[in-house]
Amino acid sequence: MKFVKEKQNRQAGFNLIELMIVIAIIALLIGVGVPAWQSMVQSGNESAAVQSIDNLRKAQYQYAAKNQGNFAPTFDRLIESVRFDEKFKGENPVVNGYIFRMQVQERTNARPSFFSINADPQVPTGISATGSRFFYSDSSVGTIKQNENEPAKATDPSI
């Protein structure tokens, strides 16, 4: 019986210092990992926004081919007509942390129809930022434009 009590006394658990070291290591890993994770999420959101703008441009050109050169006036019309992605329902849909806006001008005798698309991060700064770059494209430019500080426009540099 005495042997069992001695064995129990030798089997001590973690002491306070060992527990604090483990907690410090976990905090260090979190401190390094969270910013890297946030950066990866932002980068993924930005890539998805660029791809979405490109897909929207293609859908607008498909729509125009079927409608005497007129572009779809709304996202809902694109969804209905060319079976565009349902995530873009509504006036200003939010997809992957980006707010999409589309403006369309109908054709007149003086000018052809025109569309522009903006993708702006839902939260552009701070710890919960969904992206840091703003994107733009329209029917007269062949590329996607970007701006780091404000909503992009046609005069901004291309990606």
C-alpha atoms as a PDB file:
ATOM      1  CA  MET A   1       0.000   0.000   0.000  1.00  0.00           C
ATOM      2  CA  LYS A   2       2.875   2.342   0.834  1.00  0.00           C
ATOM      3  CA  PHE A   3       4.388   1.705  -2.630  1.00  0.00           C
ATOM      4  CA  VAL A   4       1.152   2.853  -4.333  1.00  0.00           C
ATOM      5  CA  LYS A   5       1.095   6.151  -2.364  1.00  0.00           C
ATOM      6  CA  GLU A   6       4.734   6.906  -3.277  1.00  0.00           C
ATOM      7  CA  LYS A   7       3.978   6.249  -6.959  1.00  0.00           C
ATOM      8  CA  GLN A   8       1.004   8.645  -6.823  1.00  0.00           C
ATOM      9  CA  ASN A   9       3.152  11.374  -5.245  1.00  0.00           C
ATOM     10  CA  ARG A  10       5.719  11.103  -8.072  1.00  0.00           C
ATOM     11  CA  GLN A  11       3.040  11.441 -10.797  1.00  0.00           C
ATOM     12  CA  ALA A  12       2.538  15.192 -10.677  1.00  0.00           C
ATOM     13  CA  GLY A  13       0.675  16.986 -13.463  1.00  0.00           C
ATOM     14  CA  PHE A  14       1.774  20.138 -15.314  1.00  0.00           C
ATOM     15  CA  ASN A  15       3.092  22.849 -13.087  1.00  0.00           C
ATOM     16  CA  LEU A  16       2.178  26.501 -13.599  1.00  0.00           C
ATOM     17  CA  ILE A  17       5.331  27.432 -15.521  1.00  0.00           C
ATOM     18  CA  GLU A  18       4.893  24.619 -18.039  1.00  0.00           C
ATOM     19  CA  LEU A  19       1.271  25.629 -18.571  1.00  0.00           C
ATOM     20  CA  MET A  20       2.253  29.288 -19.093  1.00  0.00           C
ATOM     21  CA  ILE A  21       4.919  28.271 -21.645  1.00  0.00           C
ATOM     22  CA  VAL A  22       2.353  26.261 -23.618  1.00  0.00           C
ATOM     23  CA  ILE A  23      -0.089  29.201 -23.566  1.00  0.00           C
ATOM     24  CA  ALA A  24       2.680  31.588 -24.694  1.00  0.00           C
ATOM     25  CA  ILE A  25       3.565  29.304 -27.618  1.00  0.00           C
ATOM     26  CA  ILE A  26      -0.087  29.096 -28.671  1.00  0.00           C
ATOM     27  CA  ALA A  27      -0.425  32.905 -28.450  1.00  0.00           C
ATOM     28  CA  LEU A  28       2.701  33.324 -30.589  1.00  0.00           C
ATOM     29  CA  LEU A  29       1.339  30.964 -33.239  1.00  0.00           C
ATOM     30  CA  ILE A  30      -1.979  32.827 -33.271  1.00  0.00           C
ATOM     31  CA  GLY A  31      -0.185  36.182 -33.462  1.00  0.00           C
ATOM     32  CA  VAL A  32       1.731  35.058 -36.539  1.00  0.00           C
ATOM     33  CA  GLY A  33      -1.061  33.079 -38.151  1.00  0.00           C
ATOM     34  CA  VAL A  34      -4.010  35.479 -37.962  1.00  0.00           C
ATOM     35  CA  PRO A  35      -2.471  38.284 -40.079  1.00  0.00           C
ATOM     36  CA  ALA A  36      -1.301  35.736 -42.646  1.00  0.00           C
ATOM     37  CA  TRP A  37      -4.791  34.223 -42.745  1.00  0.00           C
ATOM     38  CA  GLN A  38      -6.405  37.653 -43.173  1.00  0.00           C
ATOM     39  CA  SER A  39      -3.997  38.471 -45.986  1.00  0.00           C
ATOM     40  CA  MET A  40      -4.871  35.223 -47.754  1.00  0.00           C
ATOM     41  CA  VAL A  41      -8.613  35.923 -47.399  1.00  0.00           C
ATOM     42  CA  GLN A  42      -8.208  39.458 -48.805  1.00  0.00           C
ATOM     43  CA  SER A  43      -6.127  38.181 -51.698  1.00  0.00           C
ATOM     44  CA  GLY A  44      -8.738  35.529 -52.463  1.00  0.00           C
ATOM     45  CA  ASN A  45     -11.552  38.096 -52.331  1.00  0.00           C
ATOM     46  CA  GLU A  46      -9.644  40.394 -54.696  1.00  0.00           C
ATOM     47  CA  SER A  47      -9.000  37.571 -57.160  1.00  0.00           C
ATOM     48  CA  ALA A  48     -12.676  36.593 -57.047  1.00  0.00           C
ATOM     49  CA  ALA A  49     -13.707  40.222 -57.660  1.00  0.00           C
ATOM     50  CA  VAL A  50     -11.447  40.488 -60.726  1.00  0.00           C
ATOM     51  CA  GLN A  51     -12.825  37.206 -62.092  1.00  0.00           C
ATOM     52  CA  SER A  52     -16.404  38.350 -61.430  1.00  0.00           C
ATOM     53  CA  ILE A  53     -15.859  41.631 -63.297  1.00  0.00           C
ATOM     54  CA  ASP A  54     -14.446  39.705 -66.241  1.00  0.00           C
ATOM     55  CA  ASN A  55     -17.452  37.362 -66.208  1.00  0.00           C
ATOM     56  CA  LEU A  56     -19.841  40.333 -65.970  1.00  0.00           C
ATOM     57  CA  ARG A  57     -18.191  41.944 -69.000  1.00  0.00           C
ATOM     58  CA  LYS A  58     -18.567  38.718 -70.994  1.00  0.00           C
ATOM     59  CA  ALA A  59     -22.208  38.392 -69.930  1.00  0.00           C
ATOM     60  CA  GLN A  60     -22.909  41.985 -70.994  1.00  0.00           C
ATOM     61  CA  TYR A  61     -21.418  41.341 -74.437  1.00  0.00           C
ATOM     62  CA  GLN A  62     -23.516  38.163 -74.772  1.00  0.00           C
ATOM     63  CA  TYR A  63     -26.599  40.140 -73.822  1.00  0.00           C
ATOM     64  CA  ALA A  64     -25.732  42.912 -76.307  1.00  0.00           C
ATOM     65  CA  ALA A  65     -25.272  40.368 -79.093  1.00  0.00           C
ATOM     66  CA  LYS A  66     -28.863  39.218 -78.562  1.00  0.00           C
ATOM     67  CA  ASN A  67     -30.365  42.703 -78.022  1.00  0.00           C
ATOM     68  CA  GLN A  68     -29.252  44.933 -80.924  1.00  0.00           C
ATOM     69  CA  GLY A  69     -26.154  46.209 -79.089  1.00  0.00           C
ATOM     70  CA  ASN A  70     -27.973  47.262 -75.936  1.00  0.00           C
ATOM     71  CA  PHE A  71     -26.493  46.202 -72.599  1.00  0.00           C
ATOM     72  CA  ALA A  72     -28.472  44.707 -69.710  1.00  0.00           C
ATOM     73  CA  PRO A  73     -29.635  47.524 -67.419  1.00  0.00           C
ATOM     74  CA  THR A  74     -29.463  45.466 -64.190  1.00  0.00           C
ATOM     75  CA  PHE A  75     -27.784  42.439 -62.668  1.00  0.00           C
ATOM     76  CA  ASP A  76     -31.190  40.765 -62.433  1.00  0.00           C
ATOM     77  CA  ARG A  77     -31.671  41.147 -66.183  1.00  0.00           C
ATOM     78  CA  LEU A  78     -28.282  39.478 -66.810  1.00  0.00           C
ATOM     79  CA  ILE A  79     -29.257  36.597 -64.534  1.00  0.00           C
ATOM     80  CA  GLU A  80     -32.571  36.189 -66.317  1.00  0.00           C
ATOM     81  CA  SER A  81     -31.288  36.580 -69.864  1.00  0.00           C
ATOM     82  CA  VAL A  82     -27.842  34.951 -70.024  1.00  0.00           C
ATOM     83  CA  ARG A  83     -28.135  32.813 -66.893  1.00  0.00           C
ATOM     84  CA  PHE A  84     -25.523  34.696 -64.949  1.00  0.00           C
ATOM     85  CA  ASP A  85     -24.636  33.656 -61.390  1.00  0.00           C
ATOM     86  CA  GLU A  86     -27.562  33.996 -58.960  1.00  0.00           C
ATOM     87  CA  LYS A  87     -25.277  35.519 -56.282  1.00  0.00           C
ATOM     88  CA  PHE A  88     -25.509  38.799 -58.205  1.00  0.00           C
ATOM     89  CA  LYS A  89     -29.231  39.362 -57.559  1.00  0.00           C
ATOM     90  CA  GLY A  90     -30.229  42.846 -56.503  1.00  0.00           C
ATOM     91  CA  GLU A  91     -29.146  46.393 -57.209  1.00  0.00           C
ATOM     92  CA  ASN A  92     -25.718  46.321 -55.507  1.00  0.00           C
ATOM     93  CA  PRO A  93     -24.891  42.685 -54.714  1.00  0.00           C
ATOM     94  CA  VAL A  94     -22.175  41.802 -52.216  1.00  0.00           C
ATOM     95  CA  VAL A  95     -20.155  38.800 -53.362  1.00  0.00           C
ATOM     96  CA  ASN A  96     -16.999  37.540 -51.620  1.00  0.00           C
ATOM     97  CA  GLY A  97     -16.622  40.729 -49.591  1.00  0.00           C
ATOM     98  CA  TYR A  98     -16.979  43.080 -52.577  1.00  0.00           C
ATOM     99  CA  ILE A  99     -19.883  45.385 -53.446  1.00  0.00           C
ATOM    100  CA  PHE A 100     -20.645  45.379 -57.173  1.00  0.00           C
ATOM    101  CA  ARG A 101     -22.189  48.385 -58.914  1.00  0.00           C
ATOM    102  CA  MET A 102     -23.190  48.583 -62.548  1.00  0.00           C
ATOM    103  CA  GLN A 103     -24.258  51.622 -64.555  1.00  0.00           C
ATOM    104  CA  VAL A 104     -25.678  51.378 -68.053  1.00  0.00           C
ATOM    105  CA  GLN A 105     -26.380  54.142 -70.556  1.00  0.00           C
ATOM    106  CA  GLU A 106     -28.688  53.305 -73.405  1.00  0.00           C
ATOM    107  CA  ARG A 107     -27.725  53.872 -77.013  1.00  0.00           C
ATOM    108  CA  THR A 108     -28.608  57.178 -78.617  1.00  0.00           C
ATOM    109  CA  ASN A 109     -28.123  58.541 -82.135  1.00  0.00           C
ATOM    110  CA  ALA A 110     -24.946  60.289 -80.959  1.00  0.00           C
ATOM    111  CA  ARG A 111     -23.290  57.429 -79.056  1.00  0.00           C
ATOM    112  CA  PRO A 112     -23.413  53.661 -78.589  1.00  0.00           C
ATOM    113  CA  SER A 113     -24.669  52.034 -75.409  1.00  0.00           C
ATOM    114  CA  PHE A 114     -22.221  51.935 -72.526  1.00  0.00           C
ATOM    115  CA  PHE A 115     -21.783  50.063 -69.232  1.00  0.00           C
ATOM    116  CA  SER A 116     -19.402  50.383 -66.311  1.00  0.00           C
ATOM    117  CA  ILE A 117     -18.804  47.988 -63.428  1.00  0.00           C
ATOM    118  CA  ASN A 118     -17.209  48.790 -60.073  1.00  0.00           C
ATOM    119  CA  ALA A 119     -16.178  46.294 -57.418  1.00  0.00           C
ATOM    120  CA  ASP A 120     -15.391  47.960 -54.099  1.00  0.00           C
ATOM    121  CA  PRO A 121     -14.379  46.144 -50.912  1.00  0.00           C
ATOM    122  CA  GLN A 122     -17.173  45.956 -48.384  1.00  0.00           C
ATOM    123  CA  VAL A 123     -14.650  46.828 -45.632  1.00  0.00           C
ATOM    124  CA  PRO A 124     -11.506  48.370 -47.209  1.00  0.00           C
ATOM    125  CA  THR A 125      -9.408  48.917 -44.076  1.00  0.00           C
ATOM    126  CA  GLY A 126      -8.870  47.540 -40.618  1.00  0.00           C
ATOM    127  CA  ILE A 127      -8.614  44.125 -39.089  1.00  0.00           C
ATOM    128  CA  SER A 128     -11.814  42.886 -40.736  1.00  0.00           C
ATOM    129  CA  ALA A 129     -10.995  44.239 -44.223  1.00  0.00           C
ATOM    130  CA  THR A 130     -12.462  42.178 -47.055  1.00  0.00           C
ATOM    131  CA  GLY A 131     -10.055  43.635 -49.614  1.00  0.00           C
ATOM    132  CA  SER A 132      -7.797  46.619 -50.122  1.00  0.00           C
ATOM    133  CA  ARG A 133      -8.028  47.265 -53.863  1.00  0.00           C
ATOM    134  CA  PHE A 134     -10.900  48.797 -55.838  1.00  0.00           C
ATOM    135  CA  PHE A 135     -11.659  47.551 -59.376  1.00  0.00           C
ATOM    136  CA  TYR A 136     -13.349  49.005 -62.472  1.00  0.00           C
ATOM    137  CA  SER A 137     -14.107  48.071 -66.049  1.00  0.00           C
ATOM    138  CA  ASP A 138     -16.394  49.367 -68.757  1.00  0.00           C
ATOM    139  CA  SER A 139     -17.432  48.668 -72.321  1.00  0.00           C
ATOM    140  CA  SER A 140     -14.789  50.994 -73.780  1.00  0.00           C
ATOM    141  CA  VAL A 141     -11.696  49.557 -72.035  1.00  0.00           C
ATOM    142  CA  GLY A 142     -10.308  46.129 -72.709  1.00  0.00           C
ATOM    143  CA  THR A 143      -8.852  45.616 -69.233  1.00  0.00           C
ATOM    144  CA  ILE A 144      -9.730  45.852 -65.572  1.00  0.00           C
ATOM    145  CA  LYS A 145      -8.511  48.967 -63.762  1.00  0.00           C
ATOM    146  CA  GLN A 146      -7.487  49.159 -60.107  1.00  0.00           C
ATOM    147  CA  ASN A 147      -6.990  51.760 -57.403  1.00  0.00           C
ATOM    148  CA  GLU A 148      -5.558  51.283 -53.910  1.00  0.00           C
ATOM    149  CA  ASN A 149      -7.274  54.215 -52.179  1.00  0.00           C
ATOM    150  CA  GLU A 150     -10.648  55.024 -53.734  1.00  0.00           C
ATOM    151  CA  PRO A 151     -13.190  53.585 -56.150  1.00  0.00           C
ATOM    152  CA  ALA A 152     -11.401  52.889 -59.428  1.00  0.00           C
ATOM    153  CA  LYS A 153     -12.222  54.662 -62.679  1.00  0.00           C
ATOM    154  CA  ALA A 154     -11.239  54.460 -66.343  1.00  0.00           C
ATOM    155  CA  THR A 155      -8.098  56.582 -65.898  1.00  0.00           C
ATOM    156  CA  ASP A 156      -6.567  54.297 -63.236  1.00  0.00           C
ATOM    157  CA  PRO A 157      -3.803  51.803 -64.110  1.00  0.00           C
ATOM    158  CA  SER A 158      -4.676  48.355 -65.410  1.00  0.00           C
ATOM    159  CA  ILE A 159      -4.060  45.239 -63.385  1.00  0.00           C
END
